N, C-alpha and C. Protein backbone atom coordinates (compact mmCIF):
# COMPACT_ATOMS: atom_id res chain seq x y z
N UNK A 1 -22.93 230.00 50.11
CA UNK A 1 -21.86 230.94 49.95
C UNK A 1 -21.86 231.97 51.08
N UNK A 2 -23.04 232.42 51.45
CA UNK A 2 -23.11 233.41 52.52
C UNK A 2 -22.63 232.82 53.84
N UNK A 3 -22.97 231.55 54.08
CA UNK A 3 -22.53 230.93 55.33
C UNK A 3 -21.01 230.84 55.38
N UNK A 4 -20.39 230.55 54.25
CA UNK A 4 -18.93 230.51 54.20
C UNK A 4 -18.35 231.90 54.46
N UNK A 5 -18.98 232.90 53.88
CA UNK A 5 -18.55 234.28 54.11
C UNK A 5 -18.65 234.64 55.58
N UNK A 6 -19.79 234.31 56.19
CA UNK A 6 -19.99 234.61 57.60
C UNK A 6 -18.94 233.93 58.46
N UNK A 7 -18.66 232.67 58.16
CA UNK A 7 -17.67 231.91 58.93
C UNK A 7 -16.30 232.57 58.82
N UNK A 8 -15.90 232.89 57.60
CA UNK A 8 -14.56 233.49 57.44
C UNK A 8 -14.48 234.86 58.11
N UNK A 9 -15.57 235.63 58.06
CA UNK A 9 -15.56 236.93 58.73
C UNK A 9 -15.47 236.78 60.24
N UNK A 10 -16.21 235.84 60.79
CA UNK A 10 -16.16 235.62 62.24
C UNK A 10 -14.76 235.16 62.67
N UNK A 11 -14.15 234.29 61.87
CA UNK A 11 -12.81 233.81 62.20
C UNK A 11 -11.80 234.96 62.23
N UNK A 12 -12.00 235.93 61.35
CA UNK A 12 -11.06 237.06 61.30
C UNK A 12 -11.47 238.21 62.22
N UNK A 13 -12.62 238.06 62.90
CA UNK A 13 -13.07 239.10 63.81
C UNK A 13 -13.84 240.22 63.14
N UNK A 14 -14.15 240.05 61.87
CA UNK A 14 -14.92 241.06 61.12
C UNK A 14 -16.40 240.86 61.42
N UNK A 15 -17.02 241.81 62.07
CA UNK A 15 -18.42 241.71 62.46
C UNK A 15 -19.33 242.61 61.63
N UNK A 16 -18.90 242.96 60.44
CA UNK A 16 -19.68 243.88 59.60
C UNK A 16 -21.04 243.30 59.21
N UNK A 17 -21.16 241.99 59.15
CA UNK A 17 -22.44 241.36 58.82
C UNK A 17 -23.29 241.09 60.06
N UNK A 18 -22.74 241.36 61.22
CA UNK A 18 -23.41 241.06 62.49
C UNK A 18 -23.45 242.30 63.38
N UNK A 19 -24.29 243.26 63.07
CA UNK A 19 -24.28 244.52 63.84
C UNK A 19 -24.64 244.33 65.31
N UNK A 20 -25.56 243.42 65.62
CA UNK A 20 -25.94 243.21 67.02
C UNK A 20 -24.81 242.53 67.80
N UNK A 21 -24.16 241.60 67.16
CA UNK A 21 -23.02 240.94 67.80
C UNK A 21 -21.88 241.94 68.00
N UNK A 22 -21.71 242.82 67.04
CA UNK A 22 -20.67 243.86 67.16
C UNK A 22 -20.96 244.77 68.35
N UNK A 23 -22.23 245.15 68.48
CA UNK A 23 -22.64 246.00 69.60
C UNK A 23 -22.44 245.29 70.93
N UNK A 24 -22.83 244.03 70.98
CA UNK A 24 -22.68 243.23 72.20
C UNK A 24 -21.21 243.02 72.50
N UNK A 25 -20.43 242.80 71.48
CA UNK A 25 -19.01 242.54 71.63
C UNK A 25 -18.27 243.77 72.18
N UNK A 26 -18.70 244.95 71.80
CA UNK A 26 -18.07 246.19 72.29
C UNK A 26 -18.29 246.37 73.78
N UNK A 27 -19.42 245.85 74.29
CA UNK A 27 -19.73 245.98 75.71
C UNK A 27 -19.08 244.89 76.56
N UNK A 28 -18.75 243.77 75.94
CA UNK A 28 -18.20 242.62 76.68
C UNK A 28 -16.71 242.79 76.92
N UNK A 29 -16.23 242.12 77.97
CA UNK A 29 -14.80 242.16 78.27
C UNK A 29 -14.02 241.23 77.35
N UNK A 30 -14.56 240.01 77.15
CA UNK A 30 -13.89 239.04 76.28
C UNK A 30 -14.51 239.17 74.89
N UNK A 31 -13.82 239.82 73.99
CA UNK A 31 -14.42 240.11 72.70
C UNK A 31 -13.79 239.35 71.53
N UNK A 32 -13.12 238.26 71.80
CA UNK A 32 -12.46 237.57 70.69
C UNK A 32 -12.95 236.15 70.46
N UNK A 33 -13.89 235.65 71.23
CA UNK A 33 -14.29 234.26 71.11
C UNK A 33 -15.62 234.13 70.35
N UNK A 34 -15.49 233.81 69.09
CA UNK A 34 -16.68 233.62 68.26
C UNK A 34 -16.86 232.16 67.86
N UNK A 35 -16.14 231.26 68.53
CA UNK A 35 -16.18 229.85 68.14
C UNK A 35 -17.58 229.25 68.23
N UNK A 36 -18.37 229.65 69.22
CA UNK A 36 -19.71 229.08 69.33
C UNK A 36 -20.57 229.50 68.14
N UNK A 37 -20.38 230.72 67.63
CA UNK A 37 -21.13 231.18 66.47
C UNK A 37 -20.65 230.49 65.19
N UNK A 38 -19.35 230.32 65.10
CA UNK A 38 -18.77 229.62 63.96
C UNK A 38 -19.29 228.18 63.91
N UNK A 39 -19.36 227.54 65.08
CA UNK A 39 -19.86 226.17 65.16
C UNK A 39 -21.33 226.10 64.76
N UNK A 40 -22.13 227.05 65.20
CA UNK A 40 -23.56 227.08 64.84
C UNK A 40 -23.73 227.23 63.33
N UNK A 41 -22.94 228.09 62.73
CA UNK A 41 -23.01 228.28 61.28
C UNK A 41 -22.57 227.01 60.56
N UNK A 42 -21.53 226.34 61.07
CA UNK A 42 -21.07 225.09 60.46
C UNK A 42 -22.17 224.04 60.51
N UNK A 43 -22.85 223.93 61.66
CA UNK A 43 -23.95 222.96 61.79
C UNK A 43 -25.10 223.30 60.85
N UNK A 44 -25.39 224.57 60.71
CA UNK A 44 -26.43 225.01 59.79
C UNK A 44 -26.06 224.66 58.35
N UNK A 45 -24.82 224.89 58.01
CA UNK A 45 -24.33 224.57 56.67
C UNK A 45 -24.44 223.07 56.40
N UNK A 46 -24.05 222.25 57.35
CA UNK A 46 -24.18 220.80 57.20
C UNK A 46 -25.63 220.38 57.04
N UNK A 47 -26.50 221.00 57.81
CA UNK A 47 -27.92 220.69 57.73
C UNK A 47 -28.47 221.00 56.34
N UNK A 48 -28.11 222.15 55.79
CA UNK A 48 -28.55 222.50 54.44
C UNK A 48 -28.02 221.50 53.42
N UNK A 49 -26.75 221.14 53.55
CA UNK A 49 -26.15 220.20 52.61
C UNK A 49 -26.86 218.86 52.64
N UNK A 50 -27.19 218.37 53.82
CA UNK A 50 -27.89 217.09 53.96
C UNK A 50 -29.28 217.18 53.34
N UNK A 51 -30.00 218.24 53.64
CA UNK A 51 -31.37 218.37 53.15
C UNK A 51 -31.46 218.52 51.65
N UNK A 52 -30.50 219.21 51.05
CA UNK A 52 -30.59 219.49 49.63
C UNK A 52 -29.73 218.57 48.77
N UNK A 53 -28.96 217.68 49.38
CA UNK A 53 -28.10 216.78 48.62
C UNK A 53 -28.92 215.94 47.64
N UNK A 54 -29.90 215.22 48.13
CA UNK A 54 -30.71 214.37 47.28
C UNK A 54 -31.61 215.19 46.36
N UNK A 55 -32.07 216.30 46.85
CA UNK A 55 -32.97 217.15 46.08
C UNK A 55 -32.30 217.64 44.81
N UNK A 56 -31.03 218.01 44.90
CA UNK A 56 -30.33 218.56 43.74
C UNK A 56 -29.97 217.49 42.71
N UNK A 57 -29.96 216.22 43.10
CA UNK A 57 -29.61 215.15 42.18
C UNK A 57 -30.77 214.75 41.28
N UNK A 58 -31.96 215.15 41.62
CA UNK A 58 -33.14 214.67 40.92
C UNK A 58 -33.42 215.45 39.65
N UNK A 59 -33.29 214.74 38.52
CA UNK A 59 -33.67 215.33 37.24
C UNK A 59 -35.18 215.40 37.11
N UNK A 60 -35.89 214.58 37.89
CA UNK A 60 -37.34 214.53 37.74
C UNK A 60 -38.00 215.83 38.21
N UNK A 61 -37.33 216.64 39.00
CA UNK A 61 -37.91 217.92 39.40
C UNK A 61 -38.12 218.80 38.17
N UNK A 62 -37.10 218.88 37.33
CA UNK A 62 -37.22 219.66 36.10
C UNK A 62 -38.26 219.04 35.19
N UNK A 63 -38.27 217.72 35.09
CA UNK A 63 -39.25 217.05 34.24
C UNK A 63 -40.66 217.33 34.72
N UNK A 64 -40.84 217.41 36.02
CA UNK A 64 -42.17 217.67 36.57
C UNK A 64 -42.58 219.12 36.37
N UNK A 65 -41.70 220.04 36.65
CA UNK A 65 -42.04 221.46 36.57
C UNK A 65 -42.18 221.92 35.12
N UNK A 66 -41.25 221.53 34.26
CA UNK A 66 -41.34 221.94 32.86
C UNK A 66 -40.67 220.91 31.97
N UNK A 67 -41.45 219.95 31.52
CA UNK A 67 -40.94 218.90 30.65
C UNK A 67 -40.50 219.44 29.30
N UNK A 68 -41.04 220.56 28.90
CA UNK A 68 -40.73 221.12 27.59
C UNK A 68 -39.32 221.70 27.54
N UNK A 69 -38.72 221.94 28.68
CA UNK A 69 -37.38 222.52 28.70
C UNK A 69 -36.29 221.46 28.84
N UNK A 70 -36.67 220.20 28.94
CA UNK A 70 -35.67 219.14 29.13
C UNK A 70 -34.80 218.96 27.89
N UNK A 71 -33.51 218.82 28.12
CA UNK A 71 -32.60 218.53 27.02
C UNK A 71 -32.64 217.04 26.71
N UNK A 72 -32.11 216.69 25.55
CA UNK A 72 -32.09 215.28 25.16
C UNK A 72 -31.26 214.44 26.14
N UNK A 73 -30.21 215.03 26.69
CA UNK A 73 -29.39 214.30 27.66
C UNK A 73 -30.19 213.94 28.91
N UNK A 74 -31.04 214.84 29.35
CA UNK A 74 -31.87 214.56 30.53
C UNK A 74 -32.92 213.51 30.19
N UNK A 75 -33.48 213.57 28.99
CA UNK A 75 -34.49 212.58 28.59
C UNK A 75 -33.88 211.20 28.55
N UNK A 76 -32.64 211.10 28.09
CA UNK A 76 -31.97 209.80 28.01
C UNK A 76 -31.83 209.17 29.39
N UNK A 77 -31.72 210.00 30.43
CA UNK A 77 -31.57 209.49 31.80
C UNK A 77 -32.88 208.95 32.37
N UNK A 78 -33.99 209.08 31.64
CA UNK A 78 -35.29 208.63 32.12
C UNK A 78 -35.88 207.62 31.13
N UNK A 79 -35.31 206.41 31.07
CA UNK A 79 -35.70 205.45 30.03
C UNK A 79 -37.17 205.03 30.06
N UNK A 80 -37.78 204.99 31.23
CA UNK A 80 -39.17 204.53 31.30
C UNK A 80 -40.17 205.52 30.71
N UNK A 81 -39.76 206.79 30.55
CA UNK A 81 -40.70 207.78 30.01
C UNK A 81 -40.12 208.54 28.81
N UNK A 82 -39.06 208.00 28.22
CA UNK A 82 -38.38 208.70 27.12
C UNK A 82 -39.31 209.03 25.96
N UNK A 83 -39.97 208.03 25.43
CA UNK A 83 -40.79 208.26 24.24
C UNK A 83 -41.97 209.18 24.54
N UNK A 84 -42.55 209.05 25.72
CA UNK A 84 -43.66 209.92 26.07
C UNK A 84 -43.20 211.36 26.27
N UNK A 85 -42.01 211.54 26.84
CA UNK A 85 -41.47 212.90 26.97
C UNK A 85 -41.25 213.54 25.61
N UNK A 86 -40.73 212.76 24.68
CA UNK A 86 -40.52 213.28 23.32
C UNK A 86 -41.86 213.62 22.68
N UNK A 87 -42.85 212.73 22.85
CA UNK A 87 -44.19 213.01 22.32
C UNK A 87 -44.77 214.27 22.94
N UNK A 88 -44.57 214.42 24.23
CA UNK A 88 -45.08 215.61 24.92
C UNK A 88 -44.40 216.87 24.39
N UNK A 89 -43.07 216.83 24.26
CA UNK A 89 -42.34 218.00 23.79
C UNK A 89 -42.74 218.40 22.37
N UNK A 90 -43.14 217.44 21.56
CA UNK A 90 -43.48 217.74 20.17
C UNK A 90 -44.97 217.95 19.94
N UNK A 91 -45.76 217.84 20.99
CA UNK A 91 -47.20 218.05 20.87
C UNK A 91 -47.49 219.55 20.98
N UNK A 92 -47.88 220.16 19.87
CA UNK A 92 -48.09 221.61 19.84
C UNK A 92 -49.21 222.07 20.75
N UNK A 93 -50.31 221.32 20.80
CA UNK A 93 -51.43 221.73 21.64
C UNK A 93 -51.06 221.74 23.12
N UNK A 94 -50.38 220.69 23.56
CA UNK A 94 -49.97 220.63 24.97
C UNK A 94 -48.90 221.67 25.27
N UNK A 95 -48.04 221.89 24.31
CA UNK A 95 -47.01 222.92 24.48
C UNK A 95 -47.65 224.29 24.64
N UNK A 96 -48.65 224.58 23.81
CA UNK A 96 -49.37 225.86 23.93
C UNK A 96 -50.10 225.96 25.26
N UNK A 97 -50.71 224.84 25.67
CA UNK A 97 -51.43 224.83 26.95
C UNK A 97 -50.47 225.14 28.10
N UNK A 98 -49.29 224.53 28.06
CA UNK A 98 -48.32 224.78 29.12
C UNK A 98 -47.83 226.23 29.07
N UNK A 99 -47.62 226.75 27.87
CA UNK A 99 -47.14 228.13 27.73
C UNK A 99 -48.16 229.15 28.18
N UNK A 100 -49.43 228.76 28.26
CA UNK A 100 -50.46 229.67 28.76
C UNK A 100 -50.33 229.91 30.26
N UNK A 101 -49.62 229.02 30.94
CA UNK A 101 -49.37 229.23 32.37
C UNK A 101 -48.49 230.46 32.53
N UNK A 102 -48.49 231.01 33.70
CA UNK A 102 -47.66 232.20 33.93
C UNK A 102 -46.18 231.84 33.74
N UNK A 103 -45.35 232.85 33.62
CA UNK A 103 -43.92 232.61 33.39
C UNK A 103 -43.29 231.83 34.54
N UNK A 104 -43.81 232.01 35.74
CA UNK A 104 -43.38 231.22 36.89
C UNK A 104 -44.65 230.57 37.45
N UNK A 105 -45.00 229.38 36.92
CA UNK A 105 -46.27 228.76 37.32
C UNK A 105 -46.27 228.35 38.78
N UNK A 106 -47.46 228.40 39.39
CA UNK A 106 -47.56 227.91 40.77
C UNK A 106 -47.83 226.42 40.74
N UNK A 107 -47.77 225.79 41.88
CA UNK A 107 -47.88 224.33 41.97
C UNK A 107 -49.21 223.83 41.43
N UNK A 108 -50.30 224.49 41.76
CA UNK A 108 -51.61 223.99 41.32
C UNK A 108 -51.75 224.06 39.81
N UNK A 109 -51.16 225.07 39.15
CA UNK A 109 -51.20 225.14 37.69
C UNK A 109 -50.47 223.96 37.06
N UNK A 110 -49.30 223.65 37.59
CA UNK A 110 -48.52 222.53 37.05
C UNK A 110 -49.24 221.21 37.31
N UNK A 111 -49.79 221.05 38.50
CA UNK A 111 -50.53 219.82 38.83
C UNK A 111 -51.72 219.66 37.89
N UNK A 112 -52.45 220.74 37.66
CA UNK A 112 -53.60 220.67 36.74
C UNK A 112 -53.17 220.36 35.32
N UNK A 113 -52.01 220.86 34.91
CA UNK A 113 -51.50 220.52 33.58
C UNK A 113 -51.26 219.02 33.47
N UNK A 114 -50.59 218.45 34.47
CA UNK A 114 -50.31 217.01 34.43
C UNK A 114 -51.60 216.20 34.46
N UNK A 115 -52.58 216.64 35.20
CA UNK A 115 -53.86 215.94 35.25
C UNK A 115 -54.57 215.97 33.90
N UNK A 116 -54.32 217.00 33.13
CA UNK A 116 -55.01 217.15 31.85
C UNK A 116 -54.43 216.28 30.73
N UNK A 117 -53.26 215.68 30.97
CA UNK A 117 -52.68 214.82 29.93
C UNK A 117 -53.57 213.62 29.67
N UNK A 118 -53.82 213.29 28.40
CA UNK A 118 -54.65 212.13 28.09
C UNK A 118 -53.98 210.82 28.54
N UNK A 119 -54.72 210.02 29.29
CA UNK A 119 -54.18 208.75 29.82
C UNK A 119 -53.74 207.81 28.70
N UNK A 120 -54.50 207.79 27.63
CA UNK A 120 -54.21 206.83 26.56
C UNK A 120 -52.91 207.16 25.82
N UNK A 121 -52.50 208.42 25.82
CA UNK A 121 -51.27 208.80 25.12
C UNK A 121 -50.05 208.92 26.03
N UNK A 122 -50.30 209.19 27.30
CA UNK A 122 -49.19 209.45 28.23
C UNK A 122 -49.36 208.69 29.55
N UNK A 123 -49.55 207.37 29.50
CA UNK A 123 -49.78 206.64 30.76
C UNK A 123 -48.60 206.69 31.72
N UNK A 124 -47.39 206.55 31.21
CA UNK A 124 -46.21 206.55 32.09
C UNK A 124 -45.91 207.94 32.65
N UNK A 125 -46.10 208.96 31.85
CA UNK A 125 -45.90 210.32 32.34
C UNK A 125 -46.92 210.67 33.42
N UNK A 126 -48.14 210.21 33.24
CA UNK A 126 -49.16 210.47 34.26
C UNK A 126 -48.80 209.75 35.56
N UNK A 127 -48.33 208.50 35.45
CA UNK A 127 -47.89 207.77 36.65
C UNK A 127 -46.73 208.51 37.32
N UNK A 128 -45.79 208.95 36.49
CA UNK A 128 -44.64 209.70 36.99
C UNK A 128 -45.11 210.94 37.75
N UNK A 129 -46.01 211.69 37.15
CA UNK A 129 -46.47 212.93 37.80
C UNK A 129 -47.25 212.63 39.07
N UNK A 130 -48.05 211.56 39.06
CA UNK A 130 -48.80 211.20 40.26
C UNK A 130 -47.87 210.80 41.40
N UNK A 131 -46.84 210.03 41.07
CA UNK A 131 -45.87 209.65 42.10
C UNK A 131 -45.15 210.88 42.64
N UNK A 132 -44.83 211.78 41.75
CA UNK A 132 -44.11 212.98 42.18
C UNK A 132 -44.99 213.88 43.04
N UNK A 133 -46.23 214.06 42.64
CA UNK A 133 -47.16 214.89 43.41
C UNK A 133 -47.39 214.28 44.79
N UNK A 134 -47.51 212.97 44.86
CA UNK A 134 -47.77 212.29 46.14
C UNK A 134 -46.62 212.44 47.12
N UNK A 135 -45.44 212.70 46.63
CA UNK A 135 -44.29 212.86 47.53
C UNK A 135 -44.48 214.04 48.46
N UNK A 136 -45.26 215.00 48.06
CA UNK A 136 -45.42 216.21 48.85
C UNK A 136 -46.55 216.12 49.85
N UNK A 137 -47.50 215.23 49.64
CA UNK A 137 -48.58 215.04 50.59
C UNK A 137 -49.67 216.08 50.52
N UNK A 138 -49.32 217.33 50.44
CA UNK A 138 -50.32 218.39 50.38
C UNK A 138 -49.88 219.45 49.38
N UNK A 139 -50.82 220.24 48.96
CA UNK A 139 -50.50 221.34 48.05
C UNK A 139 -49.54 222.31 48.72
N UNK A 140 -49.70 222.49 50.02
CA UNK A 140 -48.82 223.40 50.75
C UNK A 140 -47.36 222.97 50.62
N UNK A 141 -47.11 221.69 50.82
CA UNK A 141 -45.74 221.20 50.70
C UNK A 141 -45.24 221.33 49.27
N UNK A 142 -46.13 221.08 48.32
CA UNK A 142 -45.75 221.23 46.93
C UNK A 142 -45.39 222.69 46.64
N UNK A 143 -46.18 223.61 47.16
CA UNK A 143 -45.89 225.04 47.00
C UNK A 143 -44.54 225.38 47.61
N UNK A 144 -44.23 224.78 48.75
CA UNK A 144 -42.93 225.03 49.38
C UNK A 144 -41.80 224.57 48.46
N UNK A 145 -41.98 223.40 47.84
CA UNK A 145 -40.95 222.88 46.94
C UNK A 145 -40.79 223.80 45.74
N UNK A 146 -41.91 224.29 45.21
CA UNK A 146 -41.83 225.21 44.08
C UNK A 146 -41.14 226.50 44.49
N UNK A 147 -41.43 226.99 45.67
CA UNK A 147 -40.78 228.21 46.15
C UNK A 147 -39.28 227.99 46.26
N UNK A 148 -38.90 226.83 46.78
CA UNK A 148 -37.47 226.52 46.89
C UNK A 148 -36.83 226.45 45.51
N UNK A 149 -37.52 225.83 44.56
CA UNK A 149 -36.98 225.74 43.21
C UNK A 149 -36.86 227.13 42.58
N UNK A 150 -37.85 227.99 42.83
CA UNK A 150 -37.78 229.35 42.29
C UNK A 150 -36.57 230.08 42.86
N UNK A 151 -36.33 229.90 44.16
CA UNK A 151 -35.17 230.54 44.79
C UNK A 151 -33.87 230.00 44.20
N UNK A 152 -33.80 228.68 44.04
CA UNK A 152 -32.60 228.06 43.49
C UNK A 152 -32.37 228.57 42.07
N UNK A 153 -33.45 228.60 41.29
CA UNK A 153 -33.35 229.04 39.90
C UNK A 153 -32.97 230.52 39.83
N UNK A 154 -33.55 231.33 40.68
CA UNK A 154 -33.28 232.77 40.61
C UNK A 154 -31.91 233.13 41.16
N UNK A 155 -31.30 232.27 41.96
CA UNK A 155 -29.98 232.58 42.51
C UNK A 155 -28.95 232.78 41.40
N UNK A 156 -29.09 232.05 40.32
CA UNK A 156 -28.16 232.23 39.21
C UNK A 156 -28.43 233.50 38.43
N UNK A 157 -29.67 233.96 38.44
CA UNK A 157 -30.05 235.13 37.65
C UNK A 157 -29.89 236.43 38.41
N UNK A 158 -30.29 236.42 39.67
CA UNK A 158 -30.26 237.65 40.46
C UNK A 158 -30.12 237.29 41.93
N UNK A 159 -29.75 238.22 42.72
CA UNK A 159 -29.58 238.00 44.15
C UNK A 159 -30.94 238.11 44.82
N UNK A 160 -31.28 237.09 45.62
CA UNK A 160 -32.55 237.13 46.34
C UNK A 160 -32.41 238.09 47.52
N UNK A 161 -33.37 238.96 47.65
CA UNK A 161 -33.35 239.94 48.74
C UNK A 161 -34.44 239.59 49.71
N UNK A 162 -34.08 239.43 50.97
CA UNK A 162 -35.07 239.10 52.01
C UNK A 162 -35.53 240.34 52.70
């Protein structure tokens, strides 16, 4: 949304979001050509869309981060782990264990939770979590994904301030 705002402001010559460009523009003789900046923002916007297109389609992110919050509609979309997800959601001990994590758990807490699931009761969920964890390669990358998810989640609740 901000990138769209920036583009429309540049097109109209409004530099209120770009104080340095405004200062530079006041000193320059040709002060009306912002097409190169508009193009850079467009390319950045396309890059974000490409990177997050597949990421936003994945229901398994929510299943991995907090299986207890999954709706029945989301569970139906995961036929290979449906019954185990239902068993997990209805298991009071595991639910309490997950709730002991902080309100915004970090990656290692969630990974440790998945590792603690009994293999004999949740073999498919454990395979699912192992495949998902392996996608990141390192804890650092997993932490980055969690940070991105926190930002995405918090965007609906409050404005992120950098």
